[in-house]
Amino acid sequence: MSILLLGGSPAAVSSTGRLLDHVADQLAIKSPGHRYHKIQVRDLPAHALLHAETSDLAIKRALAAVADADAVIIATPVYKASYTGLLKAFLDLLPQDGLAGKLVLPLATGGSQSHMLALDYALRPVLHALDARHVLTGIYATSSQLVWNEGSGLAVDQAIAWRVQAGVDGLAAALHGHKAWKAQQEQAAFVPQVEPIRLAR
């Protein structure tokens, strides 16, 4: 299975990026053997992104990575009770069914617990509108629950660690079922169409 890590933070170093990497690491331990690809939207050409130039090579490759993914782990900081404009600019480039057949695990970080509902009221409806097959329960963490130490790395608050574990377990199980579903879809695509028999009158 192909897993896309999609980062929507405008900052090169952020709690959002660290949470995204942490969840991917935990998934690799829980369910090994998947292929991973990461896109940080901030690294895409700004002019092409803002002007929806889908002919740009970097944009074209990013959109192809989304199309190729079986699951997308999407992460964003919460600004003004919503996901970032940077992430919105990229999601706006996807076709109407840009997440069709895909599993999606949304992640978000913010300054306080008051922004937790942004996952459900801002990001989740957009993911469903893009026809995601299944949007798993999101994971929200505050910056104080994700403490970075240069020597020991990321320290995750126990409550967040439980949510990450539940999210990873859910995605791993969904990927297992998705593999069988995808095989059925591919098999159905090769079933020859039988012409109806017309009986002579």
N, C-alpha and C. Protein backbone atom coordinates (compact mmCIF):
# COMPACT_ATOMS: atom_id res chain seq x y z
N MET A 1 0.83 -1.19 0.00
CA MET A 1 0.00 0.00 0.00
C MET A 1 0.87 1.26 0.00
N SER A 2 0.38 2.29 -0.63
CA SER A 2 1.11 3.56 -0.72
C SER A 2 0.52 4.57 0.25
N ILE A 3 1.36 5.13 1.11
CA ILE A 3 0.93 6.10 2.12
C ILE A 3 1.53 7.45 1.79
N LEU A 4 0.68 8.47 1.68
CA LEU A 4 1.15 9.83 1.44
C LEU A 4 1.08 10.62 2.74
N LEU A 5 2.19 11.27 3.09
CA LEU A 5 2.23 12.18 4.23
C LEU A 5 2.13 13.59 3.67
N LEU A 6 1.07 14.30 4.00
CA LEU A 6 0.82 15.62 3.44
C LEU A 6 0.87 16.67 4.55
N GLY A 7 1.92 17.50 4.52
CA GLY A 7 2.11 18.51 5.55
C GLY A 7 1.65 19.88 5.10
N GLY A 8 0.78 20.51 5.90
CA GLY A 8 0.25 21.81 5.53
C GLY A 8 0.75 22.96 6.36
N SER A 9 1.87 22.76 7.08
CA SER A 9 2.41 23.84 7.90
C SER A 9 3.34 24.73 7.06
N PRO A 10 3.23 26.04 7.23
CA PRO A 10 4.14 26.93 6.51
C PRO A 10 5.53 27.00 7.13
N ALA A 11 5.70 26.44 8.32
CA ALA A 11 6.98 26.49 9.02
C ALA A 11 7.83 25.26 8.69
N ALA A 12 9.12 25.48 8.51
CA ALA A 12 10.04 24.37 8.21
C ALA A 12 10.16 23.42 9.39
N VAL A 13 10.15 23.96 10.61
CA VAL A 13 10.20 23.15 11.83
C VAL A 13 8.96 23.48 12.63
N SER A 14 8.15 22.47 12.94
CA SER A 14 6.88 22.74 13.61
C SER A 14 6.40 21.51 14.37
N SER A 15 5.51 21.75 15.33
CA SER A 15 4.86 20.65 16.04
C SER A 15 4.05 19.80 15.08
N THR A 16 3.46 20.45 14.09
CA THR A 16 2.65 19.73 13.09
C THR A 16 3.50 18.72 12.33
N GLY A 17 4.66 19.16 11.86
CA GLY A 17 5.54 18.27 11.13
C GLY A 17 6.05 17.13 11.99
N ARG A 18 6.32 17.43 13.25
CA ARG A 18 6.81 16.38 14.16
C ARG A 18 5.73 15.36 14.46
N LEU A 19 4.48 15.83 14.62
CA LEU A 19 3.37 14.90 14.84
C LEU A 19 3.16 14.02 13.61
N LEU A 20 3.24 14.60 12.44
CA LEU A 20 3.10 13.84 11.19
C LEU A 20 4.15 12.75 11.10
N ASP A 21 5.40 13.08 11.38
CA ASP A 21 6.48 12.09 11.33
C ASP A 21 6.30 11.02 12.40
N HIS A 22 5.84 11.43 13.57
CA HIS A 22 5.65 10.47 14.67
C HIS A 22 4.57 9.45 14.32
N VAL A 23 3.47 9.92 13.79
CA VAL A 23 2.38 9.01 13.40
C VAL A 23 2.86 8.05 12.31
N ALA A 24 3.61 8.56 11.34
CA ALA A 24 4.13 7.71 10.27
C ALA A 24 5.08 6.65 10.83
N ASP A 25 5.92 7.04 11.79
CA ASP A 25 6.84 6.09 12.41
C ASP A 25 6.08 4.98 13.14
N GLN A 26 5.04 5.37 13.86
CA GLN A 26 4.24 4.39 14.60
C GLN A 26 3.50 3.45 13.66
N LEU A 27 3.02 3.98 12.54
CA LEU A 27 2.34 3.13 11.56
C LEU A 27 3.32 2.14 10.94
N ALA A 28 4.55 2.59 10.67
CA ALA A 28 5.56 1.70 10.08
C ALA A 28 5.90 0.55 11.01
N ILE A 29 5.82 0.81 12.33
CA ILE A 29 6.07 -0.25 13.31
C ILE A 29 4.88 -1.19 13.39
N LYS A 30 3.68 -0.61 13.44
CA LYS A 30 2.46 -1.40 13.58
C LYS A 30 2.14 -2.20 12.33
N SER A 31 2.35 -1.60 11.18
CA SER A 31 1.96 -2.23 9.91
C SER A 31 3.07 -2.02 8.87
N PRO A 32 4.14 -2.83 8.96
CA PRO A 32 5.29 -2.63 8.06
C PRO A 32 4.99 -3.04 6.62
N GLY A 33 5.85 -2.59 5.71
CA GLY A 33 5.77 -3.01 4.32
C GLY A 33 5.12 -2.02 3.38
N HIS A 34 4.66 -0.88 3.91
CA HIS A 34 4.03 0.12 3.05
C HIS A 34 5.09 1.04 2.43
N ARG A 35 4.72 1.68 1.32
CA ARG A 35 5.58 2.68 0.69
C ARG A 35 5.13 4.06 1.14
N TYR A 36 6.10 4.90 1.51
CA TYR A 36 5.77 6.23 2.01
C TYR A 36 6.31 7.32 1.08
N HIS A 37 5.51 8.35 0.93
CA HIS A 37 5.92 9.53 0.16
C HIS A 37 5.46 10.76 0.94
N LYS A 38 6.31 11.76 1.05
CA LYS A 38 5.95 12.96 1.82
C LYS A 38 5.93 14.19 0.93
N ILE A 39 4.90 14.99 1.11
CA ILE A 39 4.81 16.29 0.45
C ILE A 39 4.64 17.36 1.53
N GLN A 40 5.55 18.32 1.57
CA GLN A 40 5.35 19.51 2.38
C GLN A 40 4.88 20.59 1.41
N VAL A 41 3.65 21.03 1.58
CA VAL A 41 3.07 21.97 0.61
C VAL A 41 3.91 23.24 0.50
N ARG A 42 4.55 23.64 1.60
CA ARG A 42 5.35 24.88 1.57
C ARG A 42 6.54 24.76 0.61
N ASP A 43 6.95 23.55 0.26
CA ASP A 43 8.07 23.36 -0.64
C ASP A 43 7.67 23.45 -2.11
N LEU A 44 6.38 23.48 -2.40
CA LEU A 44 5.93 23.60 -3.78
C LEU A 44 6.10 25.04 -4.27
N PRO A 45 6.28 25.25 -5.56
CA PRO A 45 6.46 26.61 -6.09
C PRO A 45 5.25 27.49 -5.75
N ALA A 46 5.50 28.58 -5.04
CA ALA A 46 4.41 29.43 -4.54
C ALA A 46 3.56 29.99 -5.67
N HIS A 47 4.19 30.48 -6.72
CA HIS A 47 3.43 31.10 -7.81
C HIS A 47 2.52 30.07 -8.48
N ALA A 48 3.07 28.90 -8.74
CA ALA A 48 2.28 27.85 -9.39
C ALA A 48 1.14 27.38 -8.48
N LEU A 49 1.41 27.30 -7.18
CA LEU A 49 0.40 26.86 -6.23
C LEU A 49 -0.75 27.86 -6.15
N LEU A 50 -0.42 29.14 -6.00
CA LEU A 50 -1.44 30.17 -5.82
C LEU A 50 -2.21 30.47 -7.11
N HIS A 51 -1.58 30.21 -8.26
CA HIS A 51 -2.25 30.47 -9.53
C HIS A 51 -2.79 29.20 -10.17
N ALA A 52 -2.79 28.11 -9.37
CA ALA A 52 -3.37 26.83 -9.83
C ALA A 52 -2.79 26.37 -11.16
N GLU A 53 -1.46 26.50 -11.28
CA GLU A 53 -0.79 26.08 -12.52
C GLU A 53 -0.48 24.59 -12.46
N THR A 54 -1.46 23.80 -12.79
CA THR A 54 -1.29 22.34 -12.69
C THR A 54 -0.34 21.78 -13.74
N SER A 55 0.08 22.62 -14.68
CA SER A 55 1.06 22.17 -15.67
C SER A 55 2.48 22.26 -15.13
N ASP A 56 2.66 22.95 -13.99
CA ASP A 56 3.98 23.03 -13.37
C ASP A 56 4.43 21.64 -12.96
N LEU A 57 5.70 21.30 -13.22
CA LEU A 57 6.19 19.94 -12.99
C LEU A 57 6.06 19.52 -11.53
N ALA A 58 6.44 20.41 -10.59
CA ALA A 58 6.37 20.05 -9.17
C ALA A 58 4.93 19.85 -8.73
N ILE A 59 4.04 20.71 -9.19
CA ILE A 59 2.61 20.56 -8.86
C ILE A 59 2.07 19.27 -9.46
N LYS A 60 2.46 19.02 -10.70
CA LYS A 60 1.99 17.81 -11.38
C LYS A 60 2.44 16.55 -10.62
N ARG A 61 3.68 16.55 -10.14
CA ARG A 61 4.18 15.39 -9.39
C ARG A 61 3.45 15.24 -8.06
N ALA A 62 3.16 16.35 -7.41
CA ALA A 62 2.44 16.30 -6.13
C ALA A 62 1.03 15.75 -6.32
N LEU A 63 0.34 16.19 -7.35
CA LEU A 63 -1.01 15.71 -7.62
C LEU A 63 -0.98 14.22 -8.00
N ALA A 64 0.06 13.82 -8.71
CA ALA A 64 0.20 12.40 -9.06
C ALA A 64 0.43 11.55 -7.82
N ALA A 65 1.17 12.10 -6.84
CA ALA A 65 1.41 11.37 -5.59
C ALA A 65 0.10 11.17 -4.82
N VAL A 66 -0.76 12.17 -4.84
CA VAL A 66 -2.07 12.03 -4.20
C VAL A 66 -2.88 10.95 -4.92
N ALA A 67 -2.90 11.01 -6.24
CA ALA A 67 -3.66 10.04 -7.02
C ALA A 67 -3.17 8.62 -6.79
N ASP A 68 -1.87 8.45 -6.57
CA ASP A 68 -1.27 7.13 -6.42
C ASP A 68 -1.48 6.55 -5.01
N ALA A 69 -1.78 7.40 -4.03
CA ALA A 69 -1.84 6.96 -2.63
C ALA A 69 -3.08 6.14 -2.34
N ASP A 70 -2.91 5.14 -1.48
CA ASP A 70 -4.04 4.40 -0.94
C ASP A 70 -4.56 5.07 0.32
N ALA A 71 -3.65 5.71 1.05
CA ALA A 71 -4.03 6.42 2.27
C ALA A 71 -3.25 7.72 2.35
N VAL A 72 -3.89 8.73 2.93
CA VAL A 72 -3.26 10.04 3.10
C VAL A 72 -3.32 10.42 4.57
N ILE A 73 -2.16 10.69 5.15
CA ILE A 73 -2.11 11.25 6.50
C ILE A 73 -1.85 12.73 6.32
N ILE A 74 -2.83 13.54 6.67
CA ILE A 74 -2.77 14.96 6.38
C ILE A 74 -2.68 15.76 7.67
N ALA A 75 -1.71 16.66 7.75
CA ALA A 75 -1.46 17.39 9.00
C ALA A 75 -1.45 18.90 8.76
N THR A 76 -2.05 19.61 9.70
CA THR A 76 -2.11 21.07 9.59
C THR A 76 -2.12 21.72 10.96
N PRO A 77 -1.50 22.87 11.10
CA PRO A 77 -1.75 23.67 12.30
C PRO A 77 -3.11 24.36 12.15
N VAL A 78 -3.70 24.73 13.26
CA VAL A 78 -4.98 25.43 13.22
C VAL A 78 -4.73 26.92 13.36
N TYR A 79 -5.15 27.67 12.36
CA TYR A 79 -5.07 29.13 12.37
C TYR A 79 -6.48 29.69 12.25
N LYS A 80 -6.86 30.57 13.17
CA LYS A 80 -8.19 31.20 13.11
C LYS A 80 -9.29 30.15 12.94
N ALA A 81 -9.22 29.12 13.76
CA ALA A 81 -10.25 28.07 13.83
C ALA A 81 -10.38 27.25 12.56
N SER A 82 -9.34 27.21 11.72
CA SER A 82 -9.41 26.43 10.50
C SER A 82 -8.03 25.91 10.13
N TYR A 83 -7.99 25.08 9.10
CA TYR A 83 -6.71 24.60 8.59
C TYR A 83 -6.06 25.73 7.79
N THR A 84 -4.80 25.56 7.46
CA THR A 84 -4.04 26.65 6.85
C THR A 84 -4.49 26.96 5.43
N GLY A 85 -4.31 28.23 5.05
CA GLY A 85 -4.58 28.64 3.68
C GLY A 85 -3.64 27.93 2.71
N LEU A 86 -2.44 27.61 3.18
CA LEU A 86 -1.47 26.88 2.37
C LEU A 86 -2.03 25.52 1.97
N LEU A 87 -2.58 24.81 2.95
CA LEU A 87 -3.17 23.51 2.67
C LEU A 87 -4.40 23.65 1.77
N LYS A 88 -5.21 24.67 2.02
CA LYS A 88 -6.40 24.89 1.19
C LYS A 88 -6.01 25.12 -0.27
N ALA A 89 -4.93 25.89 -0.48
CA ALA A 89 -4.49 26.16 -1.85
C ALA A 89 -4.16 24.86 -2.59
N PHE A 90 -3.58 23.90 -1.86
CA PHE A 90 -3.24 22.63 -2.49
C PHE A 90 -4.48 21.77 -2.70
N LEU A 91 -5.33 21.68 -1.69
CA LEU A 91 -6.54 20.87 -1.82
C LEU A 91 -7.44 21.39 -2.94
N ASP A 92 -7.40 22.70 -3.17
CA ASP A 92 -8.20 23.28 -4.25
C ASP A 92 -7.74 22.84 -5.63
N LEU A 93 -6.51 22.34 -5.72
CA LEU A 93 -6.00 21.86 -7.01
C LEU A 93 -6.49 20.46 -7.35
N LEU A 94 -6.96 19.74 -6.35
CA LEU A 94 -7.42 18.37 -6.58
C LEU A 94 -8.75 18.38 -7.33
N PRO A 95 -8.99 17.38 -8.15
CA PRO A 95 -10.30 17.28 -8.80
C PRO A 95 -11.39 17.02 -7.76
N GLN A 96 -12.63 17.12 -8.16
CA GLN A 96 -13.75 17.00 -7.23
C GLN A 96 -13.73 15.67 -6.48
N ASP A 97 -13.25 14.63 -7.14
CA ASP A 97 -13.15 13.31 -6.52
C ASP A 97 -11.69 12.95 -6.24
N GLY A 98 -10.91 13.95 -5.87
CA GLY A 98 -9.46 13.77 -5.73
C GLY A 98 -9.03 12.79 -4.66
N LEU A 99 -9.91 12.48 -3.70
CA LEU A 99 -9.57 11.50 -2.66
C LEU A 99 -10.43 10.25 -2.77
N ALA A 100 -11.04 10.05 -3.91
CA ALA A 100 -11.92 8.89 -4.11
C ALA A 100 -11.16 7.59 -3.86
N GLY A 101 -11.78 6.71 -3.09
CA GLY A 101 -11.20 5.40 -2.81
C GLY A 101 -10.07 5.41 -1.81
N LYS A 102 -9.80 6.56 -1.17
CA LYS A 102 -8.65 6.66 -0.29
C LYS A 102 -9.06 6.71 1.19
N LEU A 103 -8.17 6.22 2.03
CA LEU A 103 -8.31 6.36 3.48
C LEU A 103 -7.59 7.64 3.88
N VAL A 104 -8.16 8.38 4.83
CA VAL A 104 -7.54 9.63 5.25
C VAL A 104 -7.51 9.70 6.78
N LEU A 105 -6.34 10.00 7.32
CA LEU A 105 -6.19 10.23 8.75
C LEU A 105 -5.77 11.69 8.94
N PRO A 106 -6.67 12.55 9.45
CA PRO A 106 -6.32 13.96 9.64
C PRO A 106 -5.66 14.22 11.00
N LEU A 107 -4.64 15.07 10.99
CA LEU A 107 -3.94 15.48 12.20
C LEU A 107 -3.94 17.00 12.27
N ALA A 108 -3.97 17.54 13.49
CA ALA A 108 -3.91 18.99 13.63
C ALA A 108 -3.24 19.35 14.95
N THR A 109 -2.60 20.50 14.96
CA THR A 109 -2.00 21.02 16.18
C THR A 109 -2.48 22.46 16.37
N GLY A 110 -2.49 22.90 17.63
CA GLY A 110 -2.92 24.25 17.92
C GLY A 110 -2.40 24.72 19.26
N GLY A 111 -2.68 25.96 19.57
CA GLY A 111 -2.18 26.54 20.80
C GLY A 111 -2.96 26.15 22.03
N SER A 112 -4.22 25.74 21.86
CA SER A 112 -5.04 25.37 23.01
C SER A 112 -6.09 24.35 22.58
N GLN A 113 -6.75 23.75 23.57
CA GLN A 113 -7.76 22.74 23.29
C GLN A 113 -9.00 23.34 22.62
N SER A 114 -9.15 24.65 22.69
CA SER A 114 -10.33 25.30 22.10
C SER A 114 -10.38 25.18 20.59
N HIS A 115 -9.26 24.82 19.97
CA HIS A 115 -9.22 24.68 18.51
C HIS A 115 -9.44 23.24 18.06
N MET A 116 -9.71 22.35 18.99
CA MET A 116 -9.82 20.93 18.66
C MET A 116 -10.91 20.65 17.62
N LEU A 117 -12.02 21.37 17.69
CA LEU A 117 -13.15 21.10 16.81
C LEU A 117 -12.89 21.50 15.36
N ALA A 118 -11.77 22.19 15.12
CA ALA A 118 -11.46 22.58 13.74
C ALA A 118 -11.31 21.36 12.83
N LEU A 119 -10.86 20.24 13.38
CA LEU A 119 -10.74 19.03 12.59
C LEU A 119 -12.10 18.59 12.04
N ASP A 120 -13.10 18.60 12.92
CA ASP A 120 -14.42 18.11 12.53
C ASP A 120 -15.24 19.12 11.74
N TYR A 121 -15.10 20.40 12.06
CA TYR A 121 -15.96 21.40 11.45
C TYR A 121 -15.33 22.13 10.26
N ALA A 122 -14.01 22.04 10.13
CA ALA A 122 -13.35 22.73 9.01
C ALA A 122 -12.74 21.75 8.01
N LEU A 123 -11.90 20.82 8.50
CA LEU A 123 -11.16 19.95 7.57
C LEU A 123 -11.97 18.74 7.13
N ARG A 124 -12.63 18.07 8.05
CA ARG A 124 -13.34 16.84 7.70
C ARG A 124 -14.37 17.02 6.56
N PRO A 125 -15.19 18.08 6.58
CA PRO A 125 -16.14 18.25 5.47
C PRO A 125 -15.46 18.37 4.11
N VAL A 126 -14.29 18.99 4.07
CA VAL A 126 -13.56 19.13 2.80
C VAL A 126 -13.07 17.77 2.33
N LEU A 127 -12.59 16.95 3.24
CA LEU A 127 -12.11 15.62 2.88
C LEU A 127 -13.25 14.76 2.34
N HIS A 128 -14.42 14.87 2.96
CA HIS A 128 -15.58 14.13 2.46
C HIS A 128 -16.02 14.68 1.10
N ALA A 129 -15.96 15.99 0.94
CA ALA A 129 -16.34 16.59 -0.34
C ALA A 129 -15.44 16.12 -1.48
N LEU A 130 -14.20 15.78 -1.14
CA LEU A 130 -13.25 15.27 -2.14
C LEU A 130 -13.40 13.76 -2.32
N ASP A 131 -14.48 13.21 -1.72
CA ASP A 131 -14.90 11.82 -1.96
C ASP A 131 -13.98 10.78 -1.32
N ALA A 132 -13.36 11.13 -0.18
CA ALA A 132 -12.54 10.14 0.54
C ALA A 132 -13.40 8.92 0.88
N ARG A 133 -12.84 7.74 0.73
CA ARG A 133 -13.58 6.52 1.03
C ARG A 133 -13.87 6.41 2.52
N HIS A 134 -12.89 6.76 3.34
CA HIS A 134 -13.07 6.69 4.79
C HIS A 134 -12.15 7.70 5.47
N VAL A 135 -12.74 8.61 6.25
CA VAL A 135 -11.96 9.57 7.02
C VAL A 135 -11.96 9.09 8.48
N LEU A 136 -10.80 8.73 8.96
CA LEU A 136 -10.70 8.21 10.32
C LEU A 136 -10.81 9.34 11.34
N THR A 137 -11.03 8.97 12.58
CA THR A 137 -11.08 9.95 13.66
C THR A 137 -9.76 10.70 13.74
N GLY A 138 -9.84 12.02 13.72
CA GLY A 138 -8.63 12.84 13.71
C GLY A 138 -7.90 12.87 15.04
N ILE A 139 -6.66 13.32 14.99
CA ILE A 139 -5.82 13.46 16.18
C ILE A 139 -5.43 14.92 16.32
N TYR A 140 -5.78 15.51 17.45
CA TYR A 140 -5.45 16.91 17.71
C TYR A 140 -4.54 16.98 18.93
N ALA A 141 -3.51 17.81 18.84
CA ALA A 141 -2.58 17.98 19.97
C ALA A 141 -2.19 19.44 20.07
N THR A 142 -1.99 19.90 21.29
CA THR A 142 -1.47 21.25 21.49
C THR A 142 0.06 21.20 21.49
N SER A 143 0.66 22.35 21.32
CA SER A 143 2.13 22.41 21.29
C SER A 143 2.73 21.92 22.59
N SER A 144 2.04 22.16 23.70
CA SER A 144 2.55 21.75 25.01
C SER A 144 2.49 20.23 25.19
N GLN A 145 1.73 19.56 24.36
CA GLN A 145 1.63 18.10 24.44
C GLN A 145 2.65 17.41 23.53
N LEU A 146 3.39 18.21 22.77
CA LEU A 146 4.42 17.69 21.87
C LEU A 146 5.72 18.45 22.15
N VAL A 147 6.53 17.92 23.03
CA VAL A 147 7.73 18.62 23.48
C VAL A 147 8.96 18.05 22.78
N TRP A 148 9.70 18.94 22.14
CA TRP A 148 10.90 18.50 21.40
C TRP A 148 12.15 18.75 22.20
N ASN A 149 13.01 17.73 22.24
CA ASN A 149 14.31 17.85 22.90
C ASN A 149 15.38 17.43 21.90
N GLU A 150 16.38 18.26 21.72
CA GLU A 150 17.42 17.98 20.72
C GLU A 150 18.14 16.66 20.99
N GLY A 151 18.22 16.30 22.25
CA GLY A 151 18.93 15.06 22.58
C GLY A 151 18.06 13.82 22.47
N SER A 152 16.84 13.90 23.00
CA SER A 152 15.98 12.71 23.07
C SER A 152 14.86 12.69 22.04
N GLY A 153 14.68 13.79 21.31
CA GLY A 153 13.65 13.80 20.29
C GLY A 153 12.29 14.23 20.83
N LEU A 154 11.23 13.72 20.25
CA LEU A 154 9.87 14.14 20.57
C LEU A 154 9.33 13.40 21.78
N ALA A 155 8.85 14.16 22.75
CA ALA A 155 8.17 13.59 23.92
C ALA A 155 6.68 13.88 23.76
N VAL A 156 5.88 12.83 23.71
CA VAL A 156 4.44 12.97 23.46
C VAL A 156 3.68 12.76 24.76
N ASP A 157 2.80 13.69 25.07
CA ASP A 157 1.95 13.56 26.24
C ASP A 157 1.19 12.23 26.18
N GLN A 158 0.97 11.62 27.35
CA GLN A 158 0.35 10.30 27.38
C GLN A 158 -1.02 10.27 26.72
N ALA A 159 -1.81 11.32 26.93
CA ALA A 159 -3.14 11.36 26.31
C ALA A 159 -3.04 11.36 24.79
N ILE A 160 -2.05 12.08 24.27
CA ILE A 160 -1.86 12.12 22.81
C ILE A 160 -1.30 10.79 22.32
N ALA A 161 -0.43 10.18 23.12
CA ALA A 161 0.12 8.88 22.74
C ALA A 161 -1.00 7.85 22.58
N TRP A 162 -1.99 7.90 23.44
CA TRP A 162 -3.14 6.99 23.32
C TRP A 162 -3.93 7.27 22.05
N ARG A 163 -4.12 8.55 21.75
CA ARG A 163 -4.87 8.91 20.54
C ARG A 163 -4.10 8.49 19.28
N VAL A 164 -2.79 8.68 19.32
CA VAL A 164 -1.96 8.26 18.19
C VAL A 164 -2.06 6.75 18.01
N GLN A 165 -2.00 6.01 19.11
CA GLN A 165 -2.08 4.56 19.02
C GLN A 165 -3.42 4.12 18.44
N ALA A 166 -4.50 4.77 18.90
CA ALA A 166 -5.82 4.43 18.38
C ALA A 166 -5.92 4.77 16.90
N GLY A 167 -5.37 5.92 16.51
CA GLY A 167 -5.39 6.32 15.11
C GLY A 167 -4.59 5.38 14.22
N VAL A 168 -3.42 5.00 14.70
CA VAL A 168 -2.56 4.09 13.95
C VAL A 168 -3.20 2.71 13.83
N ASP A 169 -3.78 2.23 14.95
CA ASP A 169 -4.45 0.93 14.91
C ASP A 169 -5.61 0.95 13.92
N GLY A 170 -6.37 2.05 13.94
CA GLY A 170 -7.50 2.17 13.02
C GLY A 170 -7.07 2.21 11.57
N LEU A 171 -6.01 2.95 11.29
CA LEU A 171 -5.52 3.05 9.92
C LEU A 171 -4.93 1.73 9.45
N ALA A 172 -4.19 1.06 10.34
CA ALA A 172 -3.61 -0.24 9.98
C ALA A 172 -4.70 -1.25 9.63
N ALA A 173 -5.77 -1.27 10.43
CA ALA A 173 -6.88 -2.18 10.17
C ALA A 173 -7.59 -1.80 8.87
N ALA A 174 -7.77 -0.50 8.66
CA ALA A 174 -8.43 -0.04 7.44
C ALA A 174 -7.60 -0.37 6.20
N LEU A 175 -6.28 -0.28 6.31
CA LEU A 175 -5.41 -0.61 5.19
C LEU A 175 -5.51 -2.09 4.85
N HIS A 176 -5.64 -2.92 5.87
CA HIS A 176 -5.78 -4.36 5.64
C HIS A 176 -7.06 -4.64 4.85
N GLY A 177 -8.15 -3.99 5.27
CA GLY A 177 -9.40 -4.17 4.55
C GLY A 177 -9.38 -3.51 3.18
N HIS A 178 -8.66 -2.40 3.09
CA HIS A 178 -8.58 -1.66 1.83
C HIS A 178 -7.87 -2.49 0.76
N LYS A 179 -6.91 -3.28 1.17
CA LYS A 179 -6.18 -4.11 0.21
C LYS A 179 -7.13 -5.09 -0.46
N ALA A 180 -8.00 -5.72 0.34
CA ALA A 180 -8.98 -6.65 -0.22
C ALA A 180 -9.99 -5.92 -1.09
N TRP A 181 -10.43 -4.74 -0.63
CA TRP A 181 -11.39 -3.93 -1.41
C TRP A 181 -10.80 -3.53 -2.75
N LYS A 182 -9.54 -3.12 -2.74
CA LYS A 182 -8.88 -2.69 -3.97
C LYS A 182 -8.75 -3.85 -4.95
N ALA A 183 -8.45 -5.04 -4.42
CA ALA A 183 -8.33 -6.22 -5.28
C ALA A 183 -9.68 -6.53 -5.93
N GLN A 184 -10.76 -6.37 -5.18
CA GLN A 184 -12.09 -6.61 -5.73
C GLN A 184 -12.41 -5.60 -6.83
N GLN A 185 -12.03 -4.32 -6.58
CA GLN A 185 -12.29 -3.28 -7.57
C GLN A 185 -11.54 -3.55 -8.87
N GLU A 186 -10.27 -3.97 -8.72
CA GLU A 186 -9.46 -4.25 -9.90
C GLU A 186 -9.99 -5.47 -10.65
N GLN A 187 -10.45 -6.47 -9.91
CA GLN A 187 -11.01 -7.67 -10.54
C GLN A 187 -12.29 -7.32 -11.29
N ALA A 188 -13.12 -6.49 -10.68
CA ALA A 188 -14.38 -6.11 -11.31
C ALA A 188 -14.13 -5.33 -12.60
N ALA A 189 -13.03 -4.59 -12.63
CA ALA A 189 -12.72 -3.79 -13.82
C ALA A 189 -12.39 -4.66 -15.02
N PHE A 190 -11.96 -5.92 -14.76
CA PHE A 190 -11.57 -6.80 -15.84
C PHE A 190 -12.65 -7.81 -16.21
N VAL A 191 -13.79 -7.72 -15.57
CA VAL A 191 -14.88 -8.63 -15.91
C VAL A 191 -15.46 -8.21 -17.26
N PRO A 192 -15.43 -9.09 -18.25
CA PRO A 192 -15.92 -8.71 -19.58
C PRO A 192 -17.43 -8.43 -19.56
N GLN A 193 -17.83 -7.44 -20.32
CA GLN A 193 -19.24 -7.12 -20.44
C GLN A 193 -19.90 -8.13 -21.38
N VAL A 194 -20.96 -8.73 -20.89
CA VAL A 194 -21.68 -9.73 -21.68
C VAL A 194 -22.81 -9.06 -22.43
N GLU A 195 -22.81 -9.24 -23.72
CA GLU A 195 -23.86 -8.67 -24.56
C GLU A 195 -25.17 -9.42 -24.29
N PRO A 196 -26.27 -8.70 -24.15
CA PRO A 196 -27.55 -9.38 -23.95
C PRO A 196 -27.94 -10.20 -25.17
N ILE A 197 -28.57 -11.34 -24.91
CA ILE A 197 -29.00 -12.22 -26.00
C ILE A 197 -30.37 -11.78 -26.46
N ARG A 198 -30.48 -11.53 -27.73
CA ARG A 198 -31.77 -11.13 -28.30
C ARG A 198 -32.44 -12.36 -28.92
N LEU A 199 -33.60 -12.66 -28.45
CA LEU A 199 -34.33 -13.81 -28.96
C LEU A 199 -35.12 -13.42 -30.21
N ALA A 200 -35.06 -14.29 -31.18
CA ALA A 200 -35.81 -14.04 -32.41
C ALA A 200 -37.31 -14.18 -32.13
N ARG A 201 -38.07 -13.30 -32.75
CA ARG A 201 -39.52 -13.35 -32.57
C ARG A 201 -40.16 -14.17 -33.69
